[in-house]
Amino acid sequence: MAVKIALCASMLLMVGCELTKPAAIGGDTQIIVFCDSAQWQLSRETLAAIFERTIKTPQPETEFYLQRVDISLFDVYKKYKNLMFIGDLSSEKEVSATVRSMLNTDARQAVQEGHVVFSRNDEWARGQLVLVLVSPDPATMNTRLQNGAEEMFQLVDEHCLASLSQFLYSTSAPLEDKSLPQSLRTKYGWSLRVHPDFELISEVPDSHYVRFHSNSQIQSLQRWISIHWTSLDSTQDPESILTTEWMHRTRSWIGGRFVDPVQTVPMYDRIRPADFAGRNALRYDGVWKTVSIQHAFGGAFRSYGFFDASRRSVFFIDLAVFFPEETNKLKYLRELDAIARTFTTD
């Protein structure tokens, strides 16, 4: 039997009824999952492969974590930041019946034609993302999930980064150096909304290289954002430049420009296609170490390489963290990622 979820209207998804909604609660990387037991057993590993991706910093950390709860507890969890409903059109189990009640005729037809994920923001709370994952029957659910894996991950990842950006800049805006972004645009043709925790510490115009640094008062936490770019002539194909080898080579070049030069640890390298603020990019996750110190890791890094057509240039934006006392470094990389996505060339 479908659980009664109070809705004002039943369209493609649903419409929360509260006129003034509270801020969403829960962790940015926590995903609350409503799914019937049998379907959960079938799909748990597939969902984990999509959302609980491991990043080594060098400790293994997951990008998101799934928490399945019973649909009877909906009212307890309905204001959490990330909600996921999983069901199929043929089952009479509680969650599937609830999912069907959320879909209108057009949405059900879309499921039959291959659509798997519906999403809505701010449904029961401000800053909330609701995903509804649907298949015609249990047997096809995993195939549908695998086919929509990148779309689903990107929806959650972008929502998490947007929430972080809102948090980072909402309280710091009065402290920002408003002249710095315009100065960067005038000198280099690109801009970055530099968080007040960071200062510009290095500019090498001839090498097309700029670095920002944050030396926090919290223990030994240090963070860096480095930007390097190369202009292409009309004969150069950006796809021939943006390769795995170029990512490795550029990260090594940037590492050599630290006061104490650093290098990557190849066993932790991972390069894959990704989205960066609406651009097709290569994303490079890994671990760095100081060249002069043997048998010790330095910290985690994340880099993006992409082509910007308006400047006809390839950019490499590198984010690095040093915080030896903290085992969970991924959250600091995420904050750097949110700052980096304020990068513009328009």
C-alpha atoms as a PDB file:
ATOM      1  CA  MET A   1       0.000   0.000   0.000  1.00  0.00           C
ATOM      2  CA  ALA A   2       1.310   3.451  -0.890  1.00  0.00           C
ATOM      3  CA  VAL A   3       2.343   5.608   2.047  1.00  0.00           C
ATOM      4  CA  LYS A   4       0.312   8.817   2.263  1.00  0.00           C
ATOM      5  CA  ILE A   5       2.669  11.695   1.450  1.00  0.00           C
ATOM      6  CA  ALA A   6       0.982  15.080   1.666  1.00  0.00           C
ATOM      7  CA  LEU A   7       1.166  16.731  -1.737  1.00  0.00           C
ATOM      8  CA  CYS A   8      -0.479  19.836  -3.152  1.00  0.00           C
ATOM      9  CA  ALA A   9      -0.411  18.533  -6.707  1.00  0.00           C
ATOM     10  CA  SER A  10       0.627  15.417  -8.593  1.00  0.00           C
ATOM     11  CA  MET A  11       2.514  16.397 -11.723  1.00  0.00           C
ATOM     12  CA  LEU A  12       5.738  14.883 -13.010  1.00  0.00           C
ATOM     13  CA  LEU A  13       6.856  14.563  -9.428  1.00  0.00           C
ATOM     14  CA  MET A  14       5.215  16.361  -6.544  1.00  0.00           C
ATOM     15  CA  VAL A  15       4.820  19.784  -5.029  1.00  0.00           C
ATOM     16  CA  GLY A  16       5.476  20.460  -1.351  1.00  0.00           C
ATOM     17  CA  CYS A  17       2.629  22.284   0.326  1.00  0.00           C
ATOM     18  CA  GLU A  18       4.456  24.502   2.799  1.00  0.00           C
ATOM     19  CA  LEU A  19       4.573  28.153   1.802  1.00  0.00           C
ATOM     20  CA  THR A  20       7.623  28.887   3.958  1.00  0.00           C
ATOM     21  CA  LYS A  21       9.986  25.949   3.852  1.00  0.00           C
ATOM     22  CA  PRO A  22      12.762  25.352   6.392  1.00  0.00           C
ATOM     23  CA  ALA A  23      16.390  24.885   5.399  1.00  0.00           C
ATOM     24  CA  ALA A  24      17.267  21.289   4.551  1.00  0.00           C
ATOM     25  CA  ILE A  25      19.086  19.297   7.222  1.00  0.00           C
ATOM     26  CA  GLY A  26      21.502  16.375   7.199  1.00  0.00           C
ATOM     27  CA  GLY A  27      24.909  15.908   5.628  1.00  0.00           C
ATOM     28  CA  ASP A  28      25.824  17.237   2.193  1.00  0.00           C
ATOM     29  CA  THR A  29      27.042  13.790   1.154  1.00  0.00           C
ATOM     30  CA  GLN A  30      24.304  11.782   2.897  1.00  0.00           C
ATOM     31  CA  ILE A  31      21.625  10.294   0.607  1.00  0.00           C
ATOM     32  CA  ILE A  32      18.446   9.067   2.298  1.00  0.00           C
ATOM     33  CA  VAL A  33      17.037   6.168   0.262  1.00  0.00           C
ATOM     34  CA  PHE A  34      13.436   4.916   0.277  1.00  0.00           C
ATOM     35  CA  CYS A  35      13.413   1.518  -1.429  1.00  0.00           C
ATOM     36  CA  ASP A  36      11.531  -1.755  -0.901  1.00  0.00           C
ATOM     37  CA  SER A  37      13.609  -4.569   0.628  1.00  0.00           C
ATOM     38  CA  ALA A  38      13.639  -6.870  -2.394  1.00  0.00           C
ATOM     39  CA  GLN A  39      14.635  -4.076  -4.775  1.00  0.00           C
ATOM     40  CA  TRP A  40      17.311  -2.894  -2.343  1.00  0.00           C
ATOM     41  CA  GLN A  41      18.851  -6.365  -2.326  1.00  0.00           C
ATOM     42  CA  LEU A  42      18.923  -6.342  -6.128  1.00  0.00           C
ATOM     43  CA  SER A  43      20.216  -2.799  -6.579  1.00  0.00           C
ATOM     44  CA  ARG A  44      22.376  -2.052  -3.543  1.00  0.00           C
ATOM     45  CA  GLU A  45      25.691  -2.867  -5.249  1.00  0.00           C
ATOM     46  CA  THR A  46      24.774  -0.939  -8.403  1.00  0.00           C
ATOM     47  CA  LEU A  47      23.780   2.129  -6.393  1.00  0.00           C
ATOM     48  CA  ALA A  48      26.980   1.902  -4.339  1.00  0.00           C
ATOM     49  CA  ALA A  49      29.060   1.796  -7.520  1.00  0.00           C
ATOM     50  CA  ILE A  50      27.313   4.956  -8.739  1.00  0.00           C
ATOM     51  CA  PHE A  51      27.311   7.070  -5.568  1.00  0.00           C
ATOM     52  CA  GLU A  52      29.770   5.555  -3.078  1.00  0.00           C
ATOM     53  CA  ARG A  53      32.774   6.005  -5.336  1.00  0.00           C
ATOM     54  CA  THR A  54      36.060   5.740  -3.493  1.00  0.00           C
ATOM     55  CA  ILE A  55      38.601   8.559  -3.543  1.00  0.00           C
ATOM     56  CA  LYS A  56      41.946   7.898  -1.832  1.00  0.00           C
ATOM     57  CA  THR A  57      43.297  10.939   0.023  1.00  0.00           C
ATOM     58  CA  PRO A  58      45.311   8.628   0.709  1.00  0.00           C
ATOM     59  CA  GLN A  59      42.770   7.106   3.109  1.00  0.00           C
ATOM     60  CA  PRO A  60      39.816   5.671   1.167  1.00  0.00           C
ATOM     61  CA  GLU A  61      36.823   8.032   1.364  1.00  0.00           C
ATOM     62  CA  THR A  62      33.462   7.785  -0.385  1.00  0.00           C
ATOM     63  CA  GLU A  63      32.039  10.666  -2.422  1.00  0.00           C
ATOM     64  CA  PHE A  64      28.516  10.038  -1.023  1.00  0.00           C
ATOM     65  CA  TYR A  65      26.987   7.478   1.303  1.00  0.00           C
ATOM     66  CA  LEU A  66      23.610   5.804   1.026  1.00  0.00           C
ATOM     67  CA  GLN A  67      21.341   5.390   4.055  1.00  0.00           C
ATOM     68  CA  ARG A  68      18.251   3.293   3.430  1.00  0.00           C
ATOM     69  CA  VAL A  69      15.302   4.049   5.717  1.00  0.00           C
ATOM     70  CA  ASP A  70      11.816   2.633   5.886  1.00  0.00           C
ATOM     71  CA  ILE A  71       9.123   4.600   4.053  1.00  0.00           C
ATOM     72  CA  SER A  72       7.116   4.689   7.296  1.00  0.00           C
ATOM     73  CA  LEU A  73       9.758   7.163   8.554  1.00  0.00           C
ATOM     74  CA  PHE A  74       9.194   9.589   5.683  1.00  0.00           C
ATOM     75  CA  ASP A  75       8.024  12.409   7.965  1.00  0.00           C
ATOM     76  CA  VAL A  76      11.243  12.077  10.002  1.00  0.00           C
ATOM     77  CA  TYR A  77      13.517  12.375   6.970  1.00  0.00           C
ATOM     78  CA  LYS A  78      11.540  14.462   4.492  1.00  0.00           C
ATOM     79  CA  LYS A  79      13.527  17.636   5.183  1.00  0.00           C
ATOM     80  CA  TYR A  80      16.962  16.060   4.592  1.00  0.00           C
ATOM     81  CA  LYS A  81      19.190  17.479   1.855  1.00  0.00           C
ATOM     82  CA  ASN A  82      19.255  14.490  -0.494  1.00  0.00           C
ATOM     83  CA  LEU A  83      16.249  12.152  -0.828  1.00  0.00           C
ATOM     84  CA  MET A  84      16.001   9.218  -3.222  1.00  0.00           C
ATOM     85  CA  PHE A  85      12.891   7.151  -3.996  1.00  0.00           C
ATOM     86  CA  ILE A  86      13.404   3.891  -5.932  1.00  0.00           C
ATOM     87  CA  GLY A  87      10.498   1.900  -7.335  1.00  0.00           C
ATOM     88  CA  ASP A  88       9.024   0.208 -10.372  1.00  0.00           C
ATOM     89  CA  LEU A  89       5.686   0.407 -12.142  1.00  0.00           C
ATOM     90  CA  SER A  90       4.723  -3.247 -11.648  1.00  0.00           C
ATOM     91  CA  SER A  91       5.292  -3.837  -7.932  1.00  0.00           C
ATOM     92  CA  GLU A  92       2.621  -3.417  -5.261  1.00  0.00           C
ATOM     93  CA  LYS A  93       5.218  -2.943  -2.507  1.00  0.00           C
ATOM     94  CA  GLU A  94       4.987   0.226  -0.445  1.00  0.00           C
ATOM     95  CA  VAL A  95       7.752   2.326  -1.988  1.00  0.00           C
ATOM     96  CA  SER A  96       6.922   1.356  -5.570  1.00  0.00           C
ATOM     97  CA  ALA A  97       3.261   2.182  -4.955  1.00  0.00           C
ATOM     98  CA  THR A  98       4.332   5.513  -3.487  1.00  0.00           C
ATOM     99  CA  VAL A  99       6.564   6.214  -6.481  1.00  0.00           C
ATOM    100  CA  ARG A 100       3.705   5.491  -8.882  1.00  0.00           C
ATOM    101  CA  SER A 101       1.526   7.957  -7.004  1.00  0.00           C
ATOM    102  CA  MET A 102       4.141  10.644  -7.682  1.00  0.00           C
ATOM    103  CA  LEU A 103       4.031  10.189 -11.472  1.00  0.00           C
ATOM    104  CA  ASN A 104       1.417  11.441 -13.887  1.00  0.00           C
ATOM    105  CA  THR A 105       0.487   9.653 -17.139  1.00  0.00           C
ATOM    106  CA  ASP A 106       3.201  11.368 -19.165  1.00  0.00           C
ATOM    107  CA  ALA A 107       5.851  10.462 -16.610  1.00  0.00           C
ATOM    108  CA  ARG A 108       4.783   6.797 -16.598  1.00  0.00           C
ATOM    109  CA  GLN A 109       4.967   6.728 -20.388  1.00  0.00           C
ATOM    110  CA  ALA A 110       8.453   8.243 -20.216  1.00  0.00           C
ATOM    111  CA  VAL A 111       9.508   5.387 -17.901  1.00  0.00           C
ATOM    112  CA  GLN A 112       8.267   2.836 -20.426  1.00  0.00           C
ATOM    113  CA  GLU A 113      10.318   4.591 -23.093  1.00  0.00           C
ATOM    114  CA  GLY A 114      13.524   4.400 -21.075  1.00  0.00           C
ATOM    115  CA  HIS A 115      13.510   7.433 -18.756  1.00  0.00           C
ATOM    116  CA  VAL A 116      14.889   6.447 -15.346  1.00  0.00           C
ATOM    117  CA  VAL A 117      15.438   9.536 -13.193  1.00  0.00           C
ATOM    118  CA  PHE A 118      13.173  12.451 -12.284  1.00  0.00           C
ATOM    119  CA  SER A 119      14.394  15.225 -10.018  1.00  0.00           C
ATOM    120  CA  ARG A 120      13.089  18.270  -8.204  1.00  0.00           C
ATOM    121  CA  ASN A 121      14.697  20.875  -5.960  1.00  0.00           C
ATOM    122  CA  ASP A 122      13.399  22.397  -2.721  1.00  0.00           C
ATOM    123  CA  GLU A 123      10.452  20.011  -2.446  1.00  0.00           C
ATOM    124  CA  TRP A 124       9.998  19.863   1.331  1.00  0.00           C
ATOM    125  CA  ALA A 125      12.931  22.069   2.367  1.00  0.00           C
ATOM    126  CA  ARG A 126      15.155  24.792   0.927  1.00  0.00           C
ATOM    127  CA  GLY A 127      18.395  23.410  -0.473  1.00  0.00           C
ATOM    128  CA  GLN A 128      16.931  19.939  -0.982  1.00  0.00           C
ATOM    129  CA  LEU A 129      17.295  17.576  -3.934  1.00  0.00           C
ATOM    130  CA  VAL A 130      14.732  14.811  -4.519  1.00  0.00           C
ATOM    131  CA  LEU A 131      15.482  12.018  -6.989  1.00  0.00           C
ATOM    132  CA  VAL A 132      12.891   9.470  -8.108  1.00  0.00           C
ATOM    133  CA  LEU A 133      14.407   6.453  -9.876  1.00  0.00           C
ATOM    134  CA  VAL A 134      11.885   4.343 -11.764  1.00  0.00           C
ATOM    135  CA  SER A 135      11.846   1.273 -14.030  1.00  0.00           C
ATOM    136  CA  PRO A 136       8.969  -0.675 -15.614  1.00  0.00           C
ATOM    137  CA  ASP A 137       9.773  -3.750 -13.486  1.00  0.00           C
ATOM    138  CA  PRO A 138      12.393  -4.966 -10.972  1.00  0.00           C
ATOM    139  CA  ALA A 139      14.340  -6.967 -13.553  1.00  0.00           C
ATOM    140  CA  THR A 140      15.264  -3.912 -15.621  1.00  0.00           C
ATOM    141  CA  MET A 141      16.090  -1.587 -12.718  1.00  0.00           C
ATOM    142  CA  ASN A 142      19.835  -2.282 -12.548  1.00  0.00           C
ATOM    143  CA  THR A 143      20.284  -1.869 -16.301  1.00  0.00           C
ATOM    144  CA  ARG A 144      18.397   1.441 -16.151  1.00  0.00           C
ATOM    145  CA  LEU A 145      20.526   2.577 -13.207  1.00  0.00           C
ATOM    146  CA  GLN A 146      23.768   1.694 -14.968  1.00  0.00           C
ATOM    147  CA  ASN A 147      22.680   3.499 -18.126  1.00  0.00           C
ATOM    148  CA  GLY A 148      21.799   6.632 -16.145  1.00  0.00           C
ATOM    149  CA  ALA A 149      24.734   6.415 -13.727  1.00  0.00           C
ATOM    150  CA  GLU A 150      26.608   9.555 -14.788  1.00  0.00           C
ATOM    151  CA  GLU A 151      23.438  11.642 -15.040  1.00  0.00           C
ATOM    152  CA  MET A 152      22.378  10.635 -11.521  1.00  0.00           C
ATOM    153  CA  PHE A 153      25.817  11.140 -10.004  1.00  0.00           C
ATOM    154  CA  GLN A 154      26.168  14.548 -11.644  1.00  0.00           C
ATOM    155  CA  LEU A 155      22.779  15.682 -10.324  1.00  0.00           C
ATOM    156  CA  VAL A 156      23.773  14.865  -6.745  1.00  0.00           C
ATOM    157  CA  ASP A 157      27.344  16.128  -7.114  1.00  0.00           C
ATOM    158  CA  GLU A 158      26.289  19.480  -8.567  1.00  0.00           C
ATOM    159  CA  HIS A 159      23.671  19.917  -5.860  1.00  0.00           C
ATOM    160  CA  CYS A 160      26.272  19.224  -3.170  1.00  0.00           C
ATOM    161  CA  LEU A 161      28.709  21.730  -4.680  1.00  0.00           C
ATOM    162  CA  ALA A 162      25.972  24.361  -5.012  1.00  0.00           C
ATOM    163  CA  SER A 163      25.100  23.907  -1.331  1.00  0.00           C
ATOM    164  CA  LEU A 164      28.760  24.258  -0.382  1.00  0.00           C
ATOM    165  CA  SER A 165      29.106  27.388  -2.493  1.00  0.00           C
ATOM    166  CA  GLN A 166      26.082  28.923  -0.805  1.00  0.00           C
ATOM    167  CA  PHE A 167      27.570  28.120   2.606  1.00  0.00           C
ATOM    168  CA  LEU A 168      31.053  29.399   1.742  1.00  0.00           C
ATOM    169  CA  TYR A 169      30.018  32.704   0.218  1.00  0.00           C
ATOM    170  CA  SER A 170      26.855  33.623   2.127  1.00  0.00           C
ATOM    171  CA  THR A 171      28.736  34.722   5.236  1.00  0.00           C
ATOM    172  CA  SER A 172      32.016  35.779   3.634  1.00  0.00           C
ATOM    173  CA  ALA A 173      30.660  38.183   1.002  1.00  0.00           C
ATOM    174  CA  PRO A 174      31.336  41.357   3.068  1.00  0.00           C
ATOM    175  CA  LEU A 175      34.981  40.280   3.438  1.00  0.00           C
ATOM    176  CA  GLU A 176      35.651  39.552  -0.226  1.00  0.00           C
ATOM    177  CA  ASP A 177      38.085  41.652  -2.222  1.00  0.00           C
ATOM    178  CA  LYS A 178      35.655  42.752  -4.912  1.00  0.00           C
ATOM    179  CA  SER A 179      38.435  44.291  -7.028  1.00  0.00           C
ATOM    180  CA  LEU A 180      40.436  41.051  -7.380  1.00  0.00           C
ATOM    181  CA  PRO A 181      38.135  39.233  -9.855  1.00  0.00           C
ATOM    182  CA  GLN A 182      38.108  42.271 -12.152  1.00  0.00           C
ATOM    183  CA  SER A 183      41.881  42.614 -11.856  1.00  0.00           C
ATOM    184  CA  LEU A 184      42.322  38.978 -12.897  1.00  0.00           C
ATOM    185  CA  ARG A 185      39.957  39.466 -15.834  1.00  0.00           C
ATOM    186  CA  THR A 186      41.812  42.567 -17.007  1.00  0.00           C
ATOM    187  CA  LYS A 187      45.230  40.925 -16.825  1.00  0.00           C
ATOM    188  CA  TYR A 188      44.449  37.389 -17.911  1.00  0.00           C
ATOM    189  CA  GLY A 189      41.011  37.261 -19.531  1.00  0.00           C
ATOM    190  CA  TRP A 190      39.528  35.030 -16.846  1.00  0.00           C
ATOM    191  CA  SER A 191      38.129  35.574 -13.362  1.00  0.00           C
ATOM    192  CA  LEU A 192      37.668  33.734 -10.088  1.00  0.00           C
ATOM    193  CA  ARG A 193      35.550  34.677  -7.090  1.00  0.00           C
ATOM    194  CA  VAL A 194      38.350  34.357  -4.561  1.00  0.00           C
ATOM    195  CA  HIS A 195      37.161  33.391  -1.091  1.00  0.00           C
ATOM    196  CA  PRO A 196      38.551  35.721   1.623  1.00  0.00           C
ATOM    197  CA  ASP A 197      40.381  32.794   3.236  1.00  0.00           C
ATOM    198  CA  PHE A 198      42.700  32.842   0.219  1.00  0.00           C
ATOM    199  CA  GLU A 199      45.344  35.260  -0.960  1.00  0.00           C
ATOM    200  CA  LEU A 200      47.073  35.613  -4.296  1.00  0.00           C
ATOM    201  CA  ILE A 201      50.650  34.434  -3.672  1.00  0.00           C
ATOM    202  CA  SER A 202      52.145  33.859  -7.112  1.00  0.00           C
ATOM    203  CA  GLU A 203      51.741  35.327 -10.601  1.00  0.00           C
ATOM    204  CA  VAL A 204      53.981  34.343 -13.500  1.00  0.00           C
ATOM    205  CA  PRO A 205      52.382  35.931 -16.594  1.00  0.00           C
ATOM    206  CA  ASP A 206      55.015  34.617 -19.018  1.00  0.00           C
ATOM    207  CA  SER A 207      54.244  31.067 -17.888  1.00  0.00           C
ATOM    208  CA  HIS A 208      50.481  31.646 -17.734  1.00  0.00           C
ATOM    209  CA  TYR A 209      50.395  30.622 -14.109  1.00  0.00           C
ATOM    210  CA  VAL A 210      48.609  31.974 -10.980  1.00  0.00           C
ATOM    211  CA  ARG A 211      48.381  30.482  -7.474  1.00  0.00           C
ATOM    212  CA  PHE A 212      46.190  31.240  -4.427  1.00  0.00           C
ATOM    213  CA  HIS A 213      46.876  29.959  -0.902  1.00  0.00           C
ATOM    214  CA  SER A 214      44.961  29.615   2.363  1.00  0.00           C
ATOM    215  CA  ASN A 215      46.892  29.091   5.580  1.00  0.00           C
ATOM    216  CA  SER A 216      44.156  28.310   8.074  1.00  0.00           C
ATOM    217  CA  GLN A 217      44.305  28.861  11.810  1.00  0.00           C
ATOM    218  CA  ILE A 218      42.834  25.379  12.224  1.00  0.00           C
ATOM    219  CA  GLN A 219      45.846  23.232  13.109  1.00  0.00           C
ATOM    220  CA  SER A 220      48.023  22.735  10.016  1.00  0.00           C
ATOM    221  CA  LEU A 221      45.330  23.005   7.330  1.00  0.00           C
ATOM    222  CA  GLN A 222      46.658  24.524   4.116  1.00  0.00           C
ATOM    223  CA  ARG A 223      44.965  24.748   0.718  1.00  0.00           C
ATOM    224  CA  TRP A 224      46.072  25.864  -2.721  1.00  0.00           C
ATOM    225  CA  ILE A 225      44.329  26.748  -5.988  1.00  0.00           C
ATOM    226  CA  SER A 226      46.629  26.904  -9.016  1.00  0.00           C
ATOM    227  CA  ILE A 227      45.578  27.960 -12.519  1.00  0.00           C
ATOM    228  CA  HIS A 228      47.615  27.410 -15.676  1.00  0.00           C
ATOM    229  CA  TRP A 229      46.537  27.950 -19.268  1.00  0.00           C
ATOM    230  CA  THR A 230      47.890  27.550 -22.788  1.00  0.00           C
ATOM    231  CA  SER A 231      46.610  29.375 -25.873  1.00  0.00           C
ATOM    232  CA  LEU A 232      46.032  27.308 -29.002  1.00  0.00           C
ATOM    233  CA  ASP A 233      46.454  28.483 -32.569  1.00  0.00           C
ATOM    234  CA  SER A 234      43.840  27.840 -35.237  1.00  0.00           C
ATOM    235  CA  THR A 235      45.529  24.635 -36.374  1.00  0.00           C
ATOM    236  CA  GLN A 236      45.637  22.924 -32.983  1.00  0.00           C
ATOM    237  CA  ASP A 237      42.913  20.468 -32.014  1.00  0.00           C
ATOM    238  CA  PRO A 238      42.055  20.789 -28.291  1.00  0.00           C
ATOM    239  CA  GLU A 239      41.177  17.094 -28.102  1.00  0.00           C
ATOM    240  CA  SER A 240      44.722  16.219 -29.109  1.00  0.00           C
ATOM    241  CA  ILE A 241      46.026  18.402 -26.259  1.00  0.00           C
ATOM    242  CA  LEU A 242      43.607  17.320 -23.513  1.00  0.00           C
ATOM    243  CA  THR A 243      44.940  13.822 -22.925  1.00  0.00           C
ATOM    244  CA  THR A 244      45.814  11.729 -19.902  1.00  0.00           C
ATOM    245  CA  GLU A 245      49.491  12.334 -20.640  1.00  0.00           C
ATOM    246  CA  TRP A 246      48.937  16.115 -20.724  1.00  0.00           C
ATOM    247  CA  MET A 247      47.144  15.962 -17.359  1.00  0.00           C
ATOM    248  CA  HIS A 248      50.059  14.054 -15.807  1.00  0.00           C
ATOM    249  CA  ARG A 249      52.645  16.352 -17.364  1.00  0.00           C
ATOM    250  CA  THR A 250      50.873  19.567 -16.346  1.00  0.00           C
ATOM    251  CA  ARG A 251      50.324  18.421 -12.754  1.00  0.00           C
ATOM    252  CA  SER A 252      54.027  17.566 -12.508  1.00  0.00           C
ATOM    253  CA  TRP A 253      54.911  21.021 -13.867  1.00  0.00           C
ATOM    254  CA  ILE A 254      52.663  22.709 -11.299  1.00  0.00           C
ATOM    255  CA  GLY A 255      54.047  20.530  -8.489  1.00  0.00           C
ATOM    256  CA  GLY A 256      57.540  21.686  -9.374  1.00  0.00           C
ATOM    257  CA  ARG A 257      56.552  25.310  -8.801  1.00  0.00           C
ATOM    258  CA  PHE A 258      55.831  24.908  -5.090  1.00  0.00           C
ATOM    259  CA  VAL A 259      58.447  26.345  -2.696  1.00  0.00           C
ATOM    260  CA  ASP A 260      59.116  22.747  -1.705  1.00  0.00           C
ATOM    261  CA  PRO A 261      58.532  20.895  -4.995  1.00  0.00           C
ATOM    262  CA  VAL A 262      55.988  18.092  -4.879  1.00  0.00           C
ATOM    263  CA  GLN A 263      55.214  15.090  -7.043  1.00  0.00           C
ATOM    264  CA  THR A 264      52.260  12.796  -7.515  1.00  0.00           C
ATOM    265  CA  VAL A 265      52.090   9.219  -6.200  1.00  0.00           C
ATOM    266  CA  PRO A 266      51.171   7.167  -9.303  1.00  0.00           C
ATOM    267  CA  MET A 267      49.442   4.339  -7.427  1.00  0.00           C
ATOM    268  CA  TYR A 268      46.688   6.810  -6.395  1.00  0.00           C
ATOM    269  CA  ASP A 269      46.194   8.482  -9.786  1.00  0.00           C
ATOM    270  CA  ARG A 270      42.726   8.455 -11.333  1.00  0.00           C
ATOM    271  CA  ILE A 271      41.774  10.426 -14.439  1.00  0.00           C
ATOM    272  CA  ARG A 272      38.286  10.350 -15.920  1.00  0.00           C
ATOM    273  CA  PRO A 273      35.894  12.509 -17.979  1.00  0.00           C
ATOM    274  CA  ALA A 274      33.855  14.942 -15.868  1.00  0.00           C
ATOM    275  CA  ASP A 275      31.778  18.099 -15.955  1.00  0.00           C
ATOM    276  CA  PHE A 276      33.358  21.321 -14.727  1.00  0.00           C
ATOM    277  CA  ALA A 277      30.877  24.181 -14.420  1.00  0.00           C
ATOM    278  CA  GLY A 278      29.113  23.122 -17.608  1.00  0.00           C
ATOM    279  CA  ARG A 279      32.303  22.314 -19.531  1.00  0.00           C
ATOM    280  CA  ASN A 280      33.481  18.912 -20.706  1.00  0.00           C
ATOM    281  CA  ALA A 281      36.646  18.255 -18.739  1.00  0.00           C
ATOM    282  CA  LEU A 282      39.131  15.687 -17.544  1.00  0.00           C
ATOM    283  CA  ARG A 283      39.279  15.272 -13.773  1.00  0.00           C
ATOM    284  CA  TYR A 284      42.466  14.067 -12.097  1.00  0.00           C
ATOM    285  CA  ASP A 285      42.296  12.820  -8.485  1.00  0.00           C
ATOM    286  CA  GLY A 286      45.412  11.776  -6.645  1.00  0.00           C
ATOM    287  CA  VAL A 287      47.874  12.142  -3.788  1.00  0.00           C
ATOM    288  CA  TRP A 288      50.934  14.398  -3.699  1.00  0.00           C
ATOM    289  CA  LYS A 289      54.133  14.176  -1.677  1.00  0.00           C
ATOM    290  CA  THR A 290      57.084  16.479  -1.123  1.00  0.00           C
ATOM    291  CA  VAL A 291      59.981  15.397  -3.326  1.00  0.00           C
ATOM    292  CA  SER A 292      62.585  15.885  -0.593  1.00  0.00           C
ATOM    293  CA  ILE A 293      60.721  13.810   2.018  1.00  0.00           C
ATOM    294  CA  GLN A 294      60.800  10.064   1.535  1.00  0.00           C
ATOM    295  CA  HIS A 295      58.201   7.584   2.806  1.00  0.00           C
ATOM    296  CA  ALA A 296      55.580  10.220   3.646  1.00  0.00           C
ATOM    297  CA  PHE A 297      52.492  11.502   1.866  1.00  0.00           C
ATOM    298  CA  GLY A 298      51.683  15.196   1.655  1.00  0.00           C
ATOM    299  CA  GLY A 299      47.981  15.351   0.895  1.00  0.00           C
ATOM    300  CA  ALA A 300      45.235  15.044  -1.696  1.00  0.00           C
ATOM    301  CA  PHE A 301      44.701  16.954  -4.918  1.00  0.00           C
ATOM    302  CA  ARG A 302      42.088  17.299  -7.624  1.00  0.00           C
ATOM    303  CA  SER A 303      42.704  18.872 -11.028  1.00  0.00           C
ATOM    304  CA  TYR A 304      40.495  19.780 -13.972  1.00  0.00           C
ATOM    305  CA  GLY A 305      41.623  20.206 -17.562  1.00  0.00           C
ATOM    306  CA  PHE A 306      39.280  21.726 -20.154  1.00  0.00           C
ATOM    307  CA  PHE A 307      39.109  23.754 -23.349  1.00  0.00           C
ATOM    308  CA  ASP A 308      37.560  27.229 -23.395  1.00  0.00           C
ATOM    309  CA  ALA A 309      36.357  28.167 -26.874  1.00  0.00           C
ATOM    310  CA  SER A 310      35.947  31.884 -26.138  1.00  0.00           C
ATOM    311  CA  ARG A 311      39.645  32.171 -25.264  1.00  0.00           C
ATOM    312  CA  ARG A 312      40.734  29.287 -27.497  1.00  0.00           C
ATOM    313  CA  SER A 313      42.808  28.065 -24.580  1.00  0.00           C
ATOM    314  CA  VAL A 314      43.181  24.909 -22.524  1.00  0.00           C
ATOM    315  CA  PHE A 315      43.028  25.475 -18.772  1.00  0.00           C
ATOM    316  CA  PHE A 316      44.345  23.389 -15.898  1.00  0.00           C
ATOM    317  CA  ILE A 317      42.907  24.192 -12.457  1.00  0.00           C
ATOM    318  CA  ASP A 318      44.604  22.381  -9.591  1.00  0.00           C
ATOM    319  CA  LEU A 319      43.244  22.053  -6.044  1.00  0.00           C
ATOM    320  CA  ALA A 320      45.472  20.749  -3.248  1.00  0.00           C
ATOM    321  CA  VAL A 321      45.040  20.095   0.471  1.00  0.00           C
ATOM    322  CA  PHE A 322      47.520  19.574   3.311  1.00  0.00           C
ATOM    323  CA  PHE A 323      45.992  18.537   6.636  1.00  0.00           C
ATOM    324  CA  PRO A 324      47.879  15.594   8.192  1.00  0.00           C
ATOM    325  CA  GLU A 325      45.835  15.567  11.412  1.00  0.00           C
ATOM    326  CA  GLU A 326      42.558  15.064   9.524  1.00  0.00           C
ATOM    327  CA  THR A 327      41.685  11.726   7.933  1.00  0.00           C
ATOM    328  CA  ASN A 328      38.659  13.140   6.096  1.00  0.00           C
ATOM    329  CA  LYS A 329      40.253  15.391   3.479  1.00  0.00           C
ATOM    330  CA  LEU A 330      37.573  14.955   0.843  1.00  0.00           C
ATOM    331  CA  LYS A 331      35.329  17.631   2.357  1.00  0.00           C
ATOM    332  CA  TYR A 332      38.141  20.198   1.986  1.00  0.00           C
ATOM    333  CA  LEU A 333      38.654  19.170  -1.638  1.00  0.00           C
ATOM    334  CA  ARG A 334      34.926  19.679  -2.178  1.00  0.00           C
ATOM    335  CA  GLU A 335      35.145  23.203  -0.780  1.00  0.00           C
ATOM    336  CA  LEU A 336      38.025  23.956  -3.142  1.00  0.00           C
ATOM    337  CA  ASP A 337      35.975  22.491  -5.981  1.00  0.00           C
ATOM    338  CA  ALA A 338      33.072  24.801  -5.148  1.00  0.00           C
ATOM    339  CA  ILE A 339      35.399  27.830  -5.185  1.00  0.00           C
ATOM    340  CA  ALA A 340      37.015  26.724  -8.455  1.00  0.00           C
ATOM    341  CA  ARG A 341      33.617  26.554 -10.153  1.00  0.00           C
ATOM    342  CA  THR A 342      33.262  30.329  -9.838  1.00  0.00           C
ATOM    343  CA  PHE A 343      35.889  30.465 -12.619  1.00  0.00           C
ATOM    344  CA  THR A 344      34.638  32.317 -15.721  1.00  0.00           C
ATOM    345  CA  THR A 345      36.052  33.646 -18.982  1.00  0.00           C
ATOM    346  CA  ASP A 346      32.944  35.524 -20.173  1.00  0.00           C
END
